[in-house]
Protein backbone atom coordinates (compact mmCIF):
# COMPACT_ATOMS: atom_id res chain seq x y z
CA UNK A 1 -15.76 21.42 0.75
CA UNK A 2 -15.09 22.43 -2.45
CA UNK A 3 -16.24 21.17 -5.74
CA UNK A 4 -14.86 18.44 -7.18
CA UNK A 5 -15.40 20.08 -10.85
CA UNK A 6 -13.26 22.97 -9.48
CA UNK A 7 -10.85 21.11 -7.99
CA UNK A 8 -10.47 19.21 -11.61
CA UNK A 9 -10.28 22.19 -13.16
CA UNK A 10 -7.54 23.73 -11.56
CA UNK A 11 -5.50 20.50 -11.75
CA UNK A 12 -6.00 20.73 -15.34
CA UNK A 13 -4.80 24.35 -15.29
CA UNK A 14 -1.72 23.49 -13.11
CA UNK A 15 -0.83 20.39 -15.41
CA UNK A 16 -0.54 23.09 -18.31
CA UNK A 17 1.13 26.09 -16.42
CA UNK A 18 3.88 23.42 -14.93
CA UNK A 19 4.29 22.28 -18.58
CA UNK A 20 4.89 25.31 -19.98
CA UNK A 21 7.03 26.65 -17.30
CA UNK A 22 9.47 23.87 -17.51
CA UNK A 23 9.26 24.23 -21.06
CA UNK A 24 9.48 28.02 -21.45
CA UNK A 25 11.38 29.15 -18.01
CA UNK A 26 13.53 26.63 -16.49
CA UNK A 27 16.79 26.26 -17.95
CA UNK A 28 18.32 23.70 -15.53
CA UNK A 29 20.91 21.13 -17.14
CA UNK A 30 20.05 18.35 -15.28
CA UNK A 31 16.20 18.24 -16.20
CA UNK A 32 16.04 15.76 -19.05
CA UNK A 33 12.79 15.05 -21.76
CA UNK A 34 9.79 15.37 -18.64
CA UNK A 35 6.50 14.86 -19.73
CA UNK A 36 3.52 16.41 -17.62
CA UNK A 37 0.87 13.35 -17.43
CA UNK A 38 -1.32 14.52 -14.86
CA UNK A 39 -2.02 16.64 -11.91
CA UNK A 40 -4.22 16.17 -9.03
CA UNK A 41 -5.84 18.91 -6.39
CA UNK A 42 -7.07 17.62 -2.92
CA UNK A 43 -10.64 18.89 -2.00
CA UNK A 44 -9.33 21.65 -0.18
CA UNK A 45 -7.27 23.10 -2.75
CA UNK A 46 -4.09 23.06 -0.63
CA UNK A 47 -2.21 20.42 -2.05
CA UNK A 48 -1.32 19.40 -5.64
CA UNK A 49 0.49 16.40 -7.13
CA UNK A 50 2.22 16.34 -10.34
CA UNK A 51 2.59 13.02 -12.29
CA UNK A 52 5.75 13.08 -14.94
CA UNK A 53 7.82 10.90 -16.95
CA UNK A 54 11.18 11.11 -17.91
CA UNK A 55 12.58 9.36 -21.20
CA UNK A 56 15.98 7.65 -20.49
CA UNK A 57 17.64 5.97 -17.82
CA UNK A 58 17.67 5.60 -14.54
CA UNK A 59 20.22 8.28 -13.81
CA UNK A 60 18.44 10.71 -16.02
CA UNK A 61 15.04 10.26 -13.92
CA UNK A 62 17.06 10.64 -10.92
CA UNK A 63 18.69 14.00 -11.98
CA UNK A 64 15.21 15.07 -13.46
CA UNK A 65 13.71 14.75 -10.15
CA UNK A 66 16.19 16.60 -8.33
CA UNK A 67 16.04 19.35 -11.14
CA UNK A 68 12.12 19.21 -10.54
CA UNK A 69 12.80 19.44 -6.67
CA UNK A 70 14.71 22.53 -7.29
CA UNK A 71 12.62 24.34 -9.54
CA UNK A 72 9.44 23.69 -7.46
CA UNK A 73 9.06 27.39 -5.83
CA UNK A 74 9.69 28.89 -9.59
CA UNK A 75 7.12 26.71 -10.04
CA UNK A 76 4.32 27.17 -7.43
CA UNK A 77 4.84 31.30 -7.99
CA UNK A 78 4.10 30.58 -11.34
CA UNK A 79 0.87 28.37 -10.53
CA UNK A 80 -0.30 31.20 -8.01
CA UNK A 81 0.24 33.77 -10.79
CA UNK A 82 -1.87 32.11 -13.41
CA UNK A 83 -4.51 30.46 -11.93
CA UNK A 84 -5.30 33.40 -9.51
CA UNK A 85 -6.74 31.03 -6.47
CA UNK A 86 -6.35 32.55 -3.06
CA UNK A 87 -4.08 30.32 -1.71
CA UNK A 88 -1.60 28.86 -4.25
CA UNK A 89 -1.42 24.98 -3.52
CA UNK A 90 1.96 23.32 -2.15
CA UNK A 91 3.51 21.14 -5.27
CA UNK A 92 4.74 17.76 -4.86
CA UNK A 93 6.11 15.60 -7.71
CA UNK A 94 5.70 11.75 -8.38
CA UNK A 95 7.58 10.00 -10.80
CA UNK A 96 4.43 8.32 -13.24
CA UNK A 97 4.21 4.44 -13.32
CA UNK A 98 2.44 4.46 -16.44
CA UNK A 99 5.29 3.47 -18.39
CA UNK A 100 6.34 0.80 -16.30
CA UNK A 101 3.27 -0.51 -15.92
CA UNK A 102 2.42 -0.38 -19.81
CA UNK A 103 5.90 -2.33 -20.43
CA UNK A 104 4.76 -4.98 -18.04
CA UNK A 105 1.26 -5.50 -19.76
CA UNK A 106 3.06 -6.21 -23.43
CA UNK A 107 5.43 -8.56 -21.59
CA UNK A 108 2.42 -10.35 -20.50
CA UNK A 109 0.81 -9.86 -23.94
CA UNK A 110 3.93 -11.46 -25.68
CA UNK A 111 3.85 -14.16 -23.19
CA UNK A 112 0.48 -15.06 -24.27
CA UNK A 113 0.81 -14.73 -27.99
CA UNK A 114 3.65 -17.48 -27.66
CA UNK A 115 1.46 -19.89 -25.52
CA UNK A 116 -1.58 -19.22 -27.87
CA UNK A 117 1.23 -20.17 -30.81
CA UNK A 118 2.80 -22.94 -29.07
CA UNK A 119 -1.15 -24.52 -28.39
CA UNK A 120 -2.05 -23.59 -32.15
CA UNK A 121 1.20 -25.62 -33.36
CA UNK A 122 -0.08 -28.72 -31.35
CA UNK A 123 -3.69 -28.65 -32.32
CA UNK A 124 -2.87 -28.68 -35.87
CA UNK A 125 -2.06 -32.12 -35.63
CA UNK A 126 -4.42 -33.48 -33.54
CA UNK A 127 -7.46 -35.70 -33.99
CA UNK A 128 -10.03 -36.50 -32.41
CA UNK A 129 -10.21 -39.02 -29.35
CA UNK A 130 -13.50 -40.64 -30.61
CA UNK A 131 -15.74 -39.74 -33.31
CA UNK A 132 -15.78 -36.62 -35.07
CA UNK A 133 -19.43 -36.17 -33.76
CA UNK A 134 -19.60 -37.54 -30.23
CA UNK A 135 -23.11 -36.36 -29.50
CA UNK A 136 -26.49 -38.66 -30.62
CA UNK A 137 -28.47 -36.88 -33.50
CA UNK A 138 -32.46 -37.55 -34.21
CA UNK A 139 -31.04 -39.31 -37.57
CA UNK A 140 -28.88 -42.14 -35.26
CA UNK A 141 -32.37 -42.70 -32.97
CA UNK A 142 -34.31 -43.35 -36.48
CA UNK A 143 -31.55 -45.84 -37.82
CA UNK A 144 -31.49 -47.66 -34.34
CA UNK A 145 -35.55 -48.06 -34.63
C-alpha cells in the first residue's frame, strides 16, 4: 500500500495538469466552460477520478462530458508525462454535484428566512398571555408576609 500523502500529492498534480491541458491543448468545440474542481487517486495509484463542473445548461453539460471522454487519452498521456509515475492512472471524469448542492442549500436558507420573517411579524403584535414576569421573586414573598 502506498502513502496517502503521496496519493494526495499525485491527485493535486493531476488536477493541475488536466486543467492546464484542457485550457491549452484541447480544442474540441463541444467543450464548454469546464472547471476542474477536484481529483482523487486510489491507494494503489492506478485510478484517478477527476471531478468537474460546467457552466451552462444541461445540453452544454452533456456535450462537455462527451468532449472529456473523447480527450481522455490525450489527458492521460499528458498526466503521464508531467507526473513521472511508473504507471499512469486511468482517468474517470465525474460531474461534480457541488453546484446543485449549493443551490439546494440556498433554497433552504431562503425558505428559512421567509419563515423567520413570518414569525417575526406574528410576534410583533403579540402580548403575554399572563403577567409580564410569571416567576415569583423574593420581593413578592416579602410583601405576602
